[in-house]
Amino acid sequence: MPTILGRRTAFDPAREETLFRFIGPIEAIPRPELRDRHRLVLDYWLAKRGTETMPRRADIDPADLVKALPSLVIWEAYGTDDFRCRLAGTEVCLELLKRLEGILLSQIPCPLLSEAQEEFRAVSTEGKASLIDRTLGWLNRPHMHYRHLLLPLRDNQGAPRMLLGVVTFHRRG
């Protein structure tokens, strides 16, 4: 059963908050919430999946996703409760003010970290999809928010140990 936190209509620029949250089956992703790059990556992921539950990491070639590459992120499960960034597009690194490759999710200073870790775990251990929309108040940029789609990737043994993500950033009025 997917978990959906409905879209909030009020935006408080003084607080970090989750504006929209979906965790559930890939087939139940709310497509109206997807931006162009999210749709591109989801369609690519579905094509690479074929008849399997999810594609292998080896099936994903970031060069196939040129239009989404600046927003692309690939994470790998690290231990039992953390994730290491293996690839991060230039737009993601610029907006977060740091290179993410090699960084653990737990090292990113975000007050909503436990919520993010829960989403990453659902994707990496249960093979679910996660689509969230959050503010970037933790970067002293309350006028921005980001939308993050996470999809599972299996390793050669079939376990969903890696995550394919696409992150887009948006200015708020």
Foldseek 3Di string as FASTA:
>chain_A
DKDWDAADPDADLQDKDWRIKIKFALVPPPVVPDDPLRVVVSVVFVVQCPPHSTAAPVSDDLVVSVVQQQFKWKWFADPDQKIATQHHHVVVCVVLVHDRHGPILVPRDDPCSVVVSVRVCCCQQVQIKMWTKIAVVVVVQSQKIKIKIWGFHAHPVGGRGMIMMGMDMDGHD
